[in-house]
Amino acid sequence: MNGTYRYRPEDFSGLLGLPGELRVFYELLELFKKDSTDDNWFGLKKHWEDLFFTIKHREVEGFLNPIAATELRGYLEELVNAA
């Protein structure tokens, strides 16, 4: 992960699955920006969908504040749409 992002994976340590999935998301985003192939786009989009539900699960479980979860999902969606 080379870029600077508003939400860092280590900000979510202790939240089951979220730090690792966030790190992979950023890596896939950087890969797609470097090489905009259909395969890289599909991988990024698929992982974004999985990450969306991981965030939602942590929110429903009470481990992530609903406002913070909404802001995080919105930010990541902006990154995907801008890619």
N, C-alpha and C. Protein backbone atom coordinates (compact mmCIF):
# COMPACT_ATOMS: atom_id res chain seq x y z
N MET A 1 0.85 -1.17 0.00
CA MET A 1 0.00 0.00 0.00
C MET A 1 0.89 1.23 0.00
N ASN A 2 0.82 2.01 -1.08
CA ASN A 2 1.71 3.15 -1.22
C ASN A 2 1.05 4.49 -1.01
N GLY A 3 -0.25 4.57 -1.25
CA GLY A 3 -0.94 5.85 -1.20
C GLY A 3 -1.24 6.32 0.21
N THR A 4 -1.67 7.58 0.29
CA THR A 4 -2.10 8.17 1.54
C THR A 4 -3.63 8.23 1.51
N TYR A 5 -4.24 7.64 2.50
CA TYR A 5 -5.69 7.55 2.53
C TYR A 5 -6.24 8.12 3.83
N ARG A 6 -7.46 8.60 3.78
CA ARG A 6 -8.11 9.19 4.95
C ARG A 6 -8.27 8.16 6.07
N TYR A 7 -8.60 6.93 5.71
CA TYR A 7 -8.79 5.87 6.69
C TYR A 7 -7.70 4.82 6.52
N ARG A 8 -6.90 4.65 7.54
CA ARG A 8 -5.81 3.68 7.48
C ARG A 8 -6.26 2.36 8.09
N PRO A 9 -5.77 1.24 7.58
CA PRO A 9 -6.15 -0.06 8.14
C PRO A 9 -5.88 -0.16 9.64
N GLU A 10 -4.76 0.39 10.09
CA GLU A 10 -4.42 0.30 11.51
C GLU A 10 -5.38 1.09 12.41
N ASP A 11 -6.15 2.00 11.82
CA ASP A 11 -7.17 2.72 12.59
C ASP A 11 -8.28 1.79 13.06
N PHE A 12 -8.38 0.61 12.45
CA PHE A 12 -9.47 -0.31 12.74
C PHE A 12 -8.96 -1.63 13.34
N SER A 13 -7.76 -1.58 13.93
CA SER A 13 -7.24 -2.80 14.54
C SER A 13 -8.19 -3.27 15.63
N GLY A 14 -8.36 -4.55 15.71
CA GLY A 14 -9.28 -5.12 16.68
C GLY A 14 -10.68 -5.35 16.14
N LEU A 15 -10.98 -4.84 14.95
CA LEU A 15 -12.29 -5.06 14.33
C LEU A 15 -12.14 -6.20 13.33
N LEU A 16 -12.73 -7.31 13.65
CA LEU A 16 -12.60 -8.54 12.88
C LEU A 16 -12.64 -8.33 11.38
N GLY A 17 -11.54 -8.63 10.70
CA GLY A 17 -11.47 -8.62 9.25
C GLY A 17 -11.28 -7.27 8.60
N LEU A 18 -11.64 -6.20 9.28
CA LEU A 18 -11.64 -4.90 8.62
C LEU A 18 -10.25 -4.38 8.24
N PRO A 19 -9.25 -4.42 9.13
CA PRO A 19 -7.94 -3.90 8.72
C PRO A 19 -7.36 -4.62 7.49
N GLY A 20 -7.43 -5.93 7.48
CA GLY A 20 -6.88 -6.69 6.36
C GLY A 20 -7.63 -6.43 5.07
N GLU A 21 -8.95 -6.40 5.14
CA GLU A 21 -9.74 -6.16 3.93
C GLU A 21 -9.53 -4.75 3.40
N LEU A 22 -9.37 -3.79 4.30
CA LEU A 22 -9.13 -2.42 3.88
C LEU A 22 -7.77 -2.29 3.19
N ARG A 23 -6.78 -2.98 3.74
CA ARG A 23 -5.44 -2.97 3.14
C ARG A 23 -5.48 -3.57 1.73
N VAL A 24 -6.18 -4.69 1.58
CA VAL A 24 -6.30 -5.33 0.27
C VAL A 24 -7.04 -4.42 -0.70
N PHE A 25 -8.08 -3.74 -0.23
CA PHE A 25 -8.83 -2.81 -1.07
C PHE A 25 -7.90 -1.73 -1.63
N TYR A 26 -7.10 -1.13 -0.77
CA TYR A 26 -6.18 -0.08 -1.23
C TYR A 26 -5.16 -0.64 -2.23
N GLU A 27 -4.68 -1.84 -1.98
CA GLU A 27 -3.72 -2.46 -2.90
C GLU A 27 -4.37 -2.70 -4.26
N LEU A 28 -5.61 -3.19 -4.27
CA LEU A 28 -6.32 -3.42 -5.54
C LEU A 28 -6.62 -2.10 -6.25
N LEU A 29 -6.93 -1.07 -5.49
CA LEU A 29 -7.17 0.25 -6.07
C LEU A 29 -5.91 0.77 -6.75
N GLU A 30 -4.78 0.65 -6.07
CA GLU A 30 -3.51 1.10 -6.64
C GLU A 30 -3.14 0.28 -7.87
N LEU A 31 -3.40 -1.01 -7.83
CA LEU A 31 -3.13 -1.87 -8.98
C LEU A 31 -3.98 -1.44 -10.17
N PHE A 32 -5.26 -1.17 -9.94
CA PHE A 32 -6.13 -0.75 -11.03
C PHE A 32 -5.70 0.59 -11.60
N LYS A 33 -5.29 1.52 -10.74
CA LYS A 33 -4.84 2.82 -11.23
C LYS A 33 -3.57 2.68 -12.07
N LYS A 34 -2.74 1.71 -11.71
CA LYS A 34 -1.49 1.47 -12.45
C LYS A 34 -1.75 0.74 -13.76
N ASP A 35 -2.71 -0.20 -13.74
CA ASP A 35 -2.99 -1.04 -14.91
C ASP A 35 -4.50 -1.25 -15.00
N SER A 36 -5.17 -0.40 -15.76
CA SER A 36 -6.64 -0.37 -15.82
C SER A 36 -7.23 -1.45 -16.73
N THR A 37 -6.99 -2.69 -16.39
CA THR A 37 -7.56 -3.79 -17.16
C THR A 37 -8.93 -4.16 -16.61
N ASP A 38 -9.70 -4.88 -17.40
CA ASP A 38 -11.00 -5.35 -16.94
C ASP A 38 -10.86 -6.29 -15.74
N ASP A 39 -9.85 -7.14 -15.74
CA ASP A 39 -9.62 -8.06 -14.63
C ASP A 39 -9.34 -7.30 -13.33
N ASN A 40 -8.52 -6.26 -13.43
CA ASN A 40 -8.22 -5.47 -12.23
C ASN A 40 -9.45 -4.71 -11.75
N TRP A 41 -10.27 -4.23 -12.69
CA TRP A 41 -11.50 -3.54 -12.31
C TRP A 41 -12.46 -4.50 -11.61
N PHE A 42 -12.62 -5.70 -12.17
CA PHE A 42 -13.50 -6.69 -11.57
C PHE A 42 -13.02 -7.05 -10.17
N GLY A 43 -11.72 -7.25 -10.00
CA GLY A 43 -11.18 -7.58 -8.68
C GLY A 43 -11.42 -6.48 -7.67
N LEU A 44 -11.22 -5.23 -8.09
CA LEU A 44 -11.46 -4.09 -7.20
C LEU A 44 -12.92 -3.99 -6.84
N LYS A 45 -13.79 -4.10 -7.83
CA LYS A 45 -15.24 -3.97 -7.59
C LYS A 45 -15.75 -5.09 -6.70
N LYS A 46 -15.29 -6.30 -6.92
CA LYS A 46 -15.71 -7.45 -6.10
C LYS A 46 -15.25 -7.27 -4.66
N HIS A 47 -14.02 -6.85 -4.49
CA HIS A 47 -13.52 -6.66 -3.13
C HIS A 47 -14.24 -5.50 -2.44
N TRP A 48 -14.57 -4.46 -3.18
CA TRP A 48 -15.32 -3.34 -2.61
C TRP A 48 -16.67 -3.83 -2.07
N GLU A 49 -17.34 -4.69 -2.81
CA GLU A 49 -18.62 -5.23 -2.35
C GLU A 49 -18.44 -6.04 -1.06
N ASP A 50 -17.41 -6.86 -1.00
CA ASP A 50 -17.14 -7.63 0.21
C ASP A 50 -16.83 -6.71 1.39
N LEU A 51 -16.02 -5.69 1.13
CA LEU A 51 -15.65 -4.74 2.18
C LEU A 51 -16.85 -3.96 2.67
N PHE A 52 -17.75 -3.60 1.77
CA PHE A 52 -18.97 -2.89 2.13
C PHE A 52 -19.73 -3.69 3.20
N PHE A 53 -19.87 -4.99 2.97
CA PHE A 53 -20.62 -5.82 3.91
C PHE A 53 -19.84 -6.09 5.20
N THR A 54 -18.53 -6.13 5.13
CA THR A 54 -17.74 -6.27 6.35
C THR A 54 -17.95 -5.05 7.24
N ILE A 55 -17.92 -3.87 6.64
CA ILE A 55 -18.17 -2.64 7.39
C ILE A 55 -19.57 -2.67 7.99
N LYS A 56 -20.54 -3.08 7.19
CA LYS A 56 -21.94 -3.16 7.65
C LYS A 56 -22.07 -4.14 8.82
N HIS A 57 -21.41 -5.28 8.73
CA HIS A 57 -21.46 -6.26 9.82
C HIS A 57 -20.89 -5.69 11.10
N ARG A 58 -19.73 -5.02 11.03
CA ARG A 58 -19.13 -4.44 12.24
C ARG A 58 -20.03 -3.36 12.82
N GLU A 59 -20.75 -2.64 11.94
CA GLU A 59 -21.70 -1.63 12.39
C GLU A 59 -22.87 -2.28 13.13
N VAL A 60 -23.48 -3.29 12.53
CA VAL A 60 -24.64 -3.98 13.12
C VAL A 60 -24.25 -4.64 14.44
N GLU A 61 -23.03 -5.17 14.51
CA GLU A 61 -22.56 -5.81 15.73
C GLU A 61 -22.26 -4.81 16.84
N GLY A 62 -22.22 -3.52 16.49
CA GLY A 62 -21.96 -2.49 17.48
C GLY A 62 -20.50 -2.15 17.68
N PHE A 63 -19.63 -2.70 16.84
CA PHE A 63 -18.20 -2.43 16.96
C PHE A 63 -17.77 -1.17 16.20
N LEU A 64 -18.63 -0.68 15.33
CA LEU A 64 -18.32 0.49 14.53
C LEU A 64 -19.51 1.45 14.59
N ASN A 65 -19.23 2.67 14.96
CA ASN A 65 -20.25 3.71 15.06
C ASN A 65 -20.96 3.86 13.72
N PRO A 66 -22.31 3.95 13.71
CA PRO A 66 -23.04 4.06 12.44
C PRO A 66 -22.63 5.26 11.59
N ILE A 67 -22.33 6.37 12.21
CA ILE A 67 -21.90 7.55 11.45
C ILE A 67 -20.53 7.30 10.82
N ALA A 68 -19.61 6.74 11.60
CA ALA A 68 -18.28 6.43 11.08
C ALA A 68 -18.35 5.40 9.97
N ALA A 69 -19.22 4.41 10.13
CA ALA A 69 -19.37 3.37 9.11
C ALA A 69 -19.90 3.96 7.81
N THR A 70 -20.86 4.84 7.91
CA THR A 70 -21.43 5.49 6.72
C THR A 70 -20.38 6.35 6.03
N GLU A 71 -19.61 7.10 6.81
CA GLU A 71 -18.55 7.94 6.23
C GLU A 71 -17.47 7.09 5.56
N LEU A 72 -17.10 5.98 6.19
CA LEU A 72 -16.08 5.09 5.62
C LEU A 72 -16.57 4.49 4.31
N ARG A 73 -17.81 3.98 4.30
CA ARG A 73 -18.36 3.41 3.06
C ARG A 73 -18.43 4.46 1.97
N GLY A 74 -18.85 5.67 2.30
CA GLY A 74 -18.93 6.74 1.32
C GLY A 74 -17.58 7.10 0.74
N TYR A 75 -16.57 7.18 1.60
CA TYR A 75 -15.22 7.50 1.15
C TYR A 75 -14.69 6.43 0.20
N LEU A 76 -14.87 5.17 0.57
CA LEU A 76 -14.37 4.08 -0.27
C LEU A 76 -15.12 4.03 -1.60
N GLU A 77 -16.41 4.32 -1.56
CA GLU A 77 -17.19 4.35 -2.81
C GLU A 77 -16.70 5.46 -3.72
N GLU A 78 -16.35 6.61 -3.14
CA GLU A 78 -15.78 7.71 -3.93
C GLU A 78 -14.49 7.27 -4.62
N LEU A 79 -13.65 6.54 -3.89
CA LEU A 79 -12.39 6.06 -4.47
C LEU A 79 -12.64 5.12 -5.63
N VAL A 80 -13.61 4.23 -5.48
CA VAL A 80 -13.94 3.27 -6.56
C VAL A 80 -14.49 4.03 -7.76
N ASN A 81 -15.38 4.96 -7.53
CA ASN A 81 -15.99 5.69 -8.65
C ASN A 81 -15.00 6.61 -9.35
N ALA A 82 -13.97 7.06 -8.63
CA ALA A 82 -12.98 7.94 -9.23
C ALA A 82 -11.89 7.14 -9.98
N ALA A 83 -11.85 5.84 -9.73
CA ALA A 83 -10.78 5.01 -10.32
C ALA A 83 -10.94 4.85 -11.81
